[in-house]
PDB file of N, CA and C in Angstrom:
ATOM      1  N   ASP A   1      32.895 -56.515 -66.444  1.00  0.00           N
ATOM      2  CA  ASP A   1      33.750 -55.354 -66.616  1.00  0.00           C
ATOM      3  C   ASP A   1      34.273 -54.905 -65.264  1.00  0.00           C
ATOM      4  N   SER A   2      35.098 -53.905 -65.252  1.00  0.00           N
ATOM      5  CA  SER A   2      35.751 -53.500 -64.005  1.00  0.00           C
ATOM      6  C   SER A   2      35.003 -52.402 -63.258  1.00  0.00           C
ATOM      7  N   THR A   3      33.825 -52.015 -63.729  1.00  0.00           N
ATOM      8  CA  THR A   3      33.051 -50.990 -63.050  1.00  0.00           C
ATOM      9  C   THR A   3      32.483 -51.564 -61.760  1.00  0.00           C
ATOM     10  N   GLY A   4      32.622 -50.864 -60.660  1.00  0.00           N
ATOM     11  CA  GLY A   4      32.096 -51.337 -59.386  1.00  0.00           C
ATOM     12  C   GLY A   4      33.161 -52.041 -58.571  1.00  0.00           C
ATOM     13  N   GLY A   5      32.773 -52.380 -57.347  1.00  0.00           N
ATOM     14  CA  GLY A   5      33.707 -53.024 -56.434  1.00  0.00           C
ATOM     15  C   GLY A   5      33.940 -54.491 -56.757  1.00  0.00           C
ATOM     16  N   ASP A   6      34.982 -55.025 -56.153  1.00  0.00           N
ATOM     17  CA  ASP A   6      35.349 -56.418 -56.401  1.00  0.00           C
ATOM     18  C   ASP A   6      34.222 -57.384 -56.028  1.00  0.00           C
ATOM     19  N   GLN A   7      33.659 -57.228 -54.830  1.00  0.00           N
ATOM     20  CA  GLN A   7      32.609 -58.147 -54.382  1.00  0.00           C
ATOM     21  C   GLN A   7      31.367 -58.026 -55.253  1.00  0.00           C
ATOM     22  N   HIS A   8      30.998 -56.809 -55.603  1.00  0.00           N
ATOM     23  CA  HIS A   8      29.838 -56.601 -56.480  1.00  0.00           C
ATOM     24  C   HIS A   8      30.042 -57.318 -57.812  1.00  0.00           C
ATOM     25  N   ASN A   9      31.210 -57.162 -58.397  1.00  0.00           N
ATOM     26  CA  ASN A   9      31.492 -57.799 -59.682  1.00  0.00           C
ATOM     27  C   ASN A   9      31.512 -59.318 -59.570  1.00  0.00           C
ATOM     28  N   PHE A  10      32.060 -59.834 -58.483  1.00  0.00           N
ATOM     29  CA  PHE A  10      32.060 -61.282 -58.293  1.00  0.00           C
ATOM     30  C   PHE A  10      30.629 -61.800 -58.168  1.00  0.00           C
ATOM     31  N   ASP A  11      29.821 -61.147 -57.327  1.00  0.00           N
ATOM     32  CA  ASP A  11      28.429 -61.580 -57.141  1.00  0.00           C
ATOM     33  C   ASP A  11      27.652 -61.516 -58.451  1.00  0.00           C
ATOM     34  N   LEU A  12      27.841 -60.452 -59.195  1.00  0.00           N
ATOM     35  CA  LEU A  12      27.154 -60.294 -60.474  1.00  0.00           C
ATOM     36  C   LEU A  12      27.578 -61.380 -61.457  1.00  0.00           C
ATOM     37  N   SER A  13      28.856 -61.677 -61.521  1.00  0.00           N
ATOM     38  CA  SER A  13      29.320 -62.709 -62.455  1.00  0.00           C
ATOM     39  C   SER A  13      28.811 -64.086 -62.036  1.00  0.00           C
ATOM     40  N   GLN A  14      28.722 -64.332 -60.752  1.00  0.00           N
ATOM     41  CA  GLN A  14      28.198 -65.605 -60.267  1.00  0.00           C
ATOM     42  C   GLN A  14      26.714 -65.738 -60.624  1.00  0.00           C
ATOM     43  N   ARG A  15      25.949 -64.675 -60.441  1.00  0.00           N
ATOM     44  CA  ARG A  15      24.517 -64.712 -60.802  1.00  0.00           C
ATOM     45  C   ARG A  15      24.335 -64.896 -62.303  1.00  0.00           C
ATOM     46  N   ARG A  16      25.173 -64.264 -63.092  1.00  0.00           N
ATOM     47  CA  ARG A  16      25.095 -64.413 -64.550  1.00  0.00           C
ATOM     48  C   ARG A  16      25.374 -65.864 -64.943  1.00  0.00           C
ATOM     49  N   ALA A  17      26.405 -66.459 -64.368  1.00  0.00           N
ATOM     50  CA  ALA A  17      26.741 -67.854 -64.664  1.00  0.00           C
ATOM     51  C   ALA A  17      25.629 -68.797 -64.208  1.00  0.00           C
ATOM     52  N   LEU A  18      25.049 -68.548 -63.040  1.00  0.00           N
ATOM     53  CA  LEU A  18      23.950 -69.385 -62.551  1.00  0.00           C
ATOM     54  C   LEU A  18      22.726 -69.281 -63.449  1.00  0.00           C
ATOM     55  N   ALA A  19      22.455 -68.097 -63.967  1.00  0.00           N
ATOM     56  CA  ALA A  19      21.311 -67.923 -64.866  1.00  0.00           C
ATOM     57  C   ALA A  19      21.483 -68.772 -66.118  1.00  0.00           C
ATOM     58  N   VAL A  20      22.685 -68.805 -66.663  1.00  0.00           N
ATOM     59  CA  VAL A  20      22.945 -69.625 -67.850  1.00  0.00           C
ATOM     60  C   VAL A  20      22.847 -71.106 -67.494  1.00  0.00           C
ATOM     61  N   ALA A  21      23.406 -71.503 -66.357  1.00  0.00           N
ATOM     62  CA  ALA A  21      23.337 -72.903 -65.930  1.00  0.00           C
ATOM     63  C   ALA A  21      21.887 -73.336 -65.735  1.00  0.00           C
ATOM     64  N   ASN A  22      21.085 -72.496 -65.123  1.00  0.00           N
ATOM     65  CA  ASN A  22      19.670 -72.819 -64.923  1.00  0.00           C
ATOM     66  C   ASN A  22      18.949 -72.941 -66.254  1.00  0.00           C
ATOM     67  N   TYR A  23      19.270 -72.079 -67.193  1.00  0.00           N
ATOM     68  CA  TYR A  23      18.666 -72.172 -68.519  1.00  0.00           C
ATOM     69  C   TYR A  23      19.040 -73.496 -69.183  1.00  0.00           C
ATOM     70  N   LEU A  24      20.325 -73.838 -69.159  1.00  0.00           N
ATOM     71  CA  LEU A  24      20.771 -75.085 -69.780  1.00  0.00           C
ATOM     72  C   LEU A  24      20.096 -76.294 -69.129  1.00  0.00           C
ATOM     73  N   ALA A  25      20.020 -76.297 -67.811  1.00  0.00           N
ATOM     74  CA  ALA A  25      19.362 -77.405 -67.114  1.00  0.00           C
ATOM     75  C   ALA A  25      17.887 -77.469 -67.500  1.00  0.00           C
ATOM     76  N   GLY A  26      17.251 -76.316 -67.634  1.00  0.00           N
ATOM     77  CA  GLY A  26      15.850 -76.272 -68.048  1.00  0.00           C
ATOM     78  C   GLY A  26      15.630 -76.765 -69.462  1.00  0.00           C
ATOM     79  N   GLN A  27      16.679 -76.709 -70.273  1.00  0.00           N
ATOM     80  CA  GLN A  27      16.599 -77.197 -71.650  1.00  0.00           C
ATOM     81  C   GLN A  27      16.984 -78.673 -71.751  1.00  0.00           C
ATOM     82  N   GLY A  28      17.241 -79.293 -70.605  1.00  0.00           N
ATOM     83  CA  GLY A  28      17.519 -80.719 -70.595  1.00  0.00           C
ATOM     84  C   GLY A  28      18.981 -81.112 -70.527  1.00  0.00           C
ATOM     85  N   VAL A  29      19.894 -80.145 -70.423  1.00  0.00           N
ATOM     86  CA  VAL A  29      21.312 -80.478 -70.303  1.00  0.00           C
ATOM     87  C   VAL A  29      21.556 -80.975 -68.876  1.00  0.00           C
ATOM     88  N   ASP A  30      22.132 -82.139 -68.750  1.00  0.00           N
ATOM     89  CA  ASP A  30      22.400 -82.736 -67.442  1.00  0.00           C
ATOM     90  C   ASP A  30      23.347 -81.830 -66.658  1.00  0.00           C
ATOM     91  N   SER A  31      22.930 -81.414 -65.477  1.00  0.00           N
ATOM     92  CA  SER A  31      23.734 -80.470 -64.695  1.00  0.00           C
ATOM     93  C   SER A  31      25.060 -81.064 -64.224  1.00  0.00           C
ATOM     94  N   ARG A  32      25.232 -82.367 -64.330  1.00  0.00           N
ATOM     95  CA  ARG A  32      26.534 -82.966 -64.002  1.00  0.00           C
ATOM     96  C   ARG A  32      27.575 -82.651 -65.070  1.00  0.00           C
ATOM     97  N   ARG A  33      27.144 -82.092 -66.194  1.00  0.00           N
ATOM     98  CA  ARG A  33      28.070 -81.794 -67.287  1.00  0.00           C
ATOM     99  C   ARG A  33      28.741 -80.434 -67.149  1.00  0.00           C
ATOM    100  N   PHE A  34      28.318 -79.622 -66.194  1.00  0.00           N
ATOM    101  CA  PHE A  34      28.922 -78.297 -66.072  1.00  0.00           C
ATOM    102  C   PHE A  34      29.107 -77.896 -64.613  1.00  0.00           C
ATOM    103  N   ALA A  35      30.061 -77.022 -64.397  1.00  0.00           N
ATOM    104  CA  ALA A  35      30.306 -76.398 -63.100  1.00  0.00           C
ATOM    105  C   ALA A  35      30.114 -74.900 -63.285  1.00  0.00           C
ATOM    106  N   VAL A  36      29.666 -74.241 -62.249  1.00  0.00           N
ATOM    107  CA  VAL A  36      29.377 -72.811 -62.332  1.00  0.00           C
ATOM    108  C   VAL A  36      30.386 -72.055 -61.475  1.00  0.00           C
ATOM    109  N   THR A  37      31.075 -71.097 -62.098  1.00  0.00           N
ATOM    110  CA  THR A  37      32.051 -70.279 -61.391  1.00  0.00           C
ATOM    111  C   THR A  37      31.991 -68.857 -61.920  1.00  0.00           C
ATOM    112  N   GLY A  38      31.917 -67.903 -61.022  1.00  0.00           N
ATOM    113  CA  GLY A  38      32.001 -66.498 -61.401  1.00  0.00           C
ATOM    114  C   GLY A  38      33.412 -65.995 -61.133  1.00  0.00           C
ATOM    115  N   PHE A  39      33.917 -65.151 -62.012  1.00  0.00           N
ATOM    116  CA  PHE A  39      35.279 -64.645 -61.853  1.00  0.00           C
ATOM    117  C   PHE A  39      35.337 -63.139 -61.613  1.00  0.00           C
ATOM    118  N   GLY A  40      34.186 -62.482 -61.569  1.00  0.00           N
ATOM    119  CA  GLY A  40      34.204 -61.041 -61.350  1.00  0.00           C
ATOM    120  C   GLY A  40      34.993 -60.337 -62.431  1.00  0.00           C
ATOM    121  N   LYS A  41      35.863 -59.439 -62.010  1.00  0.00           N
ATOM    122  CA  LYS A  41      36.648 -58.685 -62.993  1.00  0.00           C
ATOM    123  C   LYS A  41      38.065 -59.212 -63.140  1.00  0.00           C
ATOM    124  N   THR A  42      38.300 -60.463 -62.733  1.00  0.00           N
ATOM    125  CA  THR A  42      39.665 -60.989 -62.704  1.00  0.00           C
ATOM    126  C   THR A  42      40.155 -61.563 -64.017  1.00  0.00           C
ATOM    127  N   ARG A  43      39.275 -61.814 -64.994  1.00  0.00           N
ATOM    128  CA  ARG A  43      39.709 -62.443 -66.251  1.00  0.00           C
ATOM    129  C   ARG A  43      39.162 -61.707 -67.477  1.00  0.00           C
ATOM    130  N   PRO A  44      39.541 -60.441 -67.644  1.00  0.00           N
ATOM    131  CA  PRO A  44      39.048 -59.711 -68.815  1.00  0.00           C
ATOM    132  C   PRO A  44      39.653 -60.252 -70.110  1.00  0.00           C
ATOM    133  N   ILE A  45      38.885 -60.155 -71.192  1.00  0.00           N
ATOM    134  CA  ILE A  45      39.400 -60.531 -72.517  1.00  0.00           C
ATOM    135  C   ILE A  45      39.590 -59.301 -73.396  1.00  0.00           C
ATOM    136  N   ALA A  46      39.142 -58.155 -72.894  1.00  0.00           N
ATOM    137  CA  ALA A  46      39.249 -56.905 -73.651  1.00  0.00           C
ATOM    138  C   ALA A  46      39.534 -55.772 -72.668  1.00  0.00           C
ATOM    139  N   SER A  47      39.893 -54.631 -73.196  1.00  0.00           N
ATOM    140  CA  SER A  47      40.169 -53.464 -72.368  1.00  0.00           C
ATOM    141  C   SER A  47      38.884 -52.959 -71.723  1.00  0.00           C
ATOM    142  N   ASN A  48      38.969 -52.580 -70.466  1.00  0.00           N
ATOM    143  CA  ASN A  48      37.829 -51.979 -69.785  1.00  0.00           C
ATOM    144  C   ASN A  48      37.779 -50.466 -69.987  1.00  0.00           C
ATOM    145  N   ALA A  49      38.643 -49.938 -70.848  1.00  0.00           N
ATOM    146  CA  ALA A  49      38.698 -48.501 -71.092  1.00  0.00           C
ATOM    147  C   ALA A  49      37.584 -48.024 -72.018  1.00  0.00           C
ATOM    148  N   THR A  50      36.933 -48.952 -72.730  1.00  0.00           N
ATOM    149  CA  THR A  50      35.866 -48.569 -73.657  1.00  0.00           C
ATOM    150  C   THR A  50      34.593 -49.340 -73.333  1.00  0.00           C
ATOM    151  N   ALA A  51      33.462 -48.792 -73.752  1.00  0.00           N
ATOM    152  CA  ALA A  51      32.177 -49.472 -73.541  1.00  0.00           C
ATOM    153  C   ALA A  51      32.150 -50.818 -74.262  1.00  0.00           C
ATOM    154  N   ALA A  52      32.722 -50.869 -75.452  1.00  0.00           N
ATOM    155  CA  ALA A  52      32.747 -52.127 -76.211  1.00  0.00           C
ATOM    156  C   ALA A  52      33.581 -53.182 -75.488  1.00  0.00           C
ATOM    157  N   GLY A  53      34.700 -52.784 -74.945  1.00  0.00           N
ATOM    158  CA  GLY A  53      35.541 -53.718 -74.200  1.00  0.00           C
ATOM    159  C   GLY A  53      34.851 -54.217 -72.945  1.00  0.00           C
ATOM    160  N   ARG A  54      34.190 -53.302 -72.220  1.00  0.00           N
ATOM    161  CA  ARG A  54      33.464 -53.715 -71.018  1.00  0.00           C
ATOM    162  C   ARG A  54      32.345 -54.682 -71.367  1.00  0.00           C
ATOM    163  N   ALA A  55      31.667 -54.456 -72.490  1.00  0.00           N
ATOM    164  CA  ALA A  55      30.597 -55.366 -72.924  1.00  0.00           C
ATOM    165  C   ALA A  55      31.161 -56.757 -73.211  1.00  0.00           C
ATOM    166  N   GLN A  56      32.337 -56.822 -73.824  1.00  0.00           N
ATOM    167  CA  GLN A  56      32.963 -58.124 -74.099  1.00  0.00           C
ATOM    168  C   GLN A  56      33.331 -58.851 -72.815  1.00  0.00           C
ATOM    169  N   ASN A  57      33.662 -58.100 -71.794  1.00  0.00           N
ATOM    170  CA  ASN A  57      34.064 -58.710 -70.529  1.00  0.00           C
ATOM    171  C   ASN A  57      32.876 -59.194 -69.704  1.00  0.00           C
ATOM    172  N   ARG A  58      31.671 -58.787 -70.068  1.00  0.00           N
ATOM    173  CA  ARG A  58      30.459 -59.302 -69.415  1.00  0.00           C
ATOM    174  C   ARG A  58      30.005 -60.526 -70.185  1.00  0.00           C
ATOM    175  N   ARG A  59      30.590 -61.658 -69.898  1.00  0.00           N
ATOM    176  CA  ARG A  59      30.343 -62.847 -70.700  1.00  0.00           C
ATOM    177  C   ARG A  59      30.232 -64.076 -69.814  1.00  0.00           C
ATOM    178  N   VAL A  60      29.724 -65.120 -70.422  1.00  0.00           N
ATOM    179  CA  VAL A  60      29.712 -66.442 -69.799  1.00  0.00           C
ATOM    180  C   VAL A  60      30.395 -67.382 -70.772  1.00  0.00           C
ATOM    181  N   GLU A  61      31.364 -68.117 -70.303  1.00  0.00           N
ATOM    182  CA  GLU A  61      32.028 -69.129 -71.121  1.00  0.00           C
ATOM    183  C   GLU A  61      31.472 -70.486 -70.714  1.00  0.00           C
ATOM    184  N   ILE A  62      31.142 -71.301 -71.701  1.00  0.00           N
ATOM    185  CA  ILE A  62      30.511 -72.589 -71.437  1.00  0.00           C
ATOM    186  C   ILE A  62      31.423 -73.711 -71.908  1.00  0.00           C
ATOM    187  N   GLN A  63      31.688 -74.633 -71.017  1.00  0.00           N
ATOM    188  CA  GLN A  63      32.421 -75.855 -71.355  1.00  0.00           C
ATOM    189  C   GLN A  63      31.620 -77.013 -70.779  1.00  0.00           C
ATOM    190  N   LEU A  64      31.156 -77.880 -71.644  1.00  0.00           N
ATOM    191  CA  LEU A  64      30.394 -79.041 -71.200  1.00  0.00           C
ATOM    192  C   LEU A  64      31.315 -80.250 -71.135  1.00  0.00           C
ATOM    193  N   SER A  65      31.268 -80.955 -70.038  1.00  0.00           N
ATOM    194  CA  SER A  65      32.069 -82.163 -69.865  1.00  0.00           C
ATOM    195  C   SER A  65      31.236 -83.374 -70.255  1.00  0.00           C
ATOM    196  N   PRO A  66      31.866 -84.373 -70.856  1.00  0.00           N
ATOM    197  CA  PRO A  66      31.115 -85.591 -71.180  1.00  0.00           C
ATOM    198  C   PRO A  66      30.784 -86.359 -69.906  1.00  0.00           C
ATOM    199  N   LEU A  67      29.665 -87.045 -69.920  1.00  0.00           N
ATOM    200  CA  LEU A  67      29.317 -87.921 -68.803  1.00  0.00           C
ATOM    201  C   LEU A  67      30.035 -89.244 -69.003  1.00  0.00           C
ATOM    202  N   THR A  68      30.672 -89.722 -67.965  1.00  0.00           N
ATOM    203  CA  THR A  68      31.394 -90.994 -68.099  1.00  0.00           C
ATOM    204  C   THR A  68      30.790 -92.053 -67.211  1.00  0.00           C
TER     205      THR A  68
END
């Protein structure tokens, strides 16, 4: 969400993404199948004017690439 400064939001989003990546790796997903990137408050999918919108913007999107 957009609450807080830019750097704080970027760091928080990066830690959130790393936590999910670590979980997936711990469950046996090959870490070569994913890249970890935090976007901070730069890519909202909902309005930050409401608590519900801010909650939607605190997310992790997962895309797994096939191993070739």
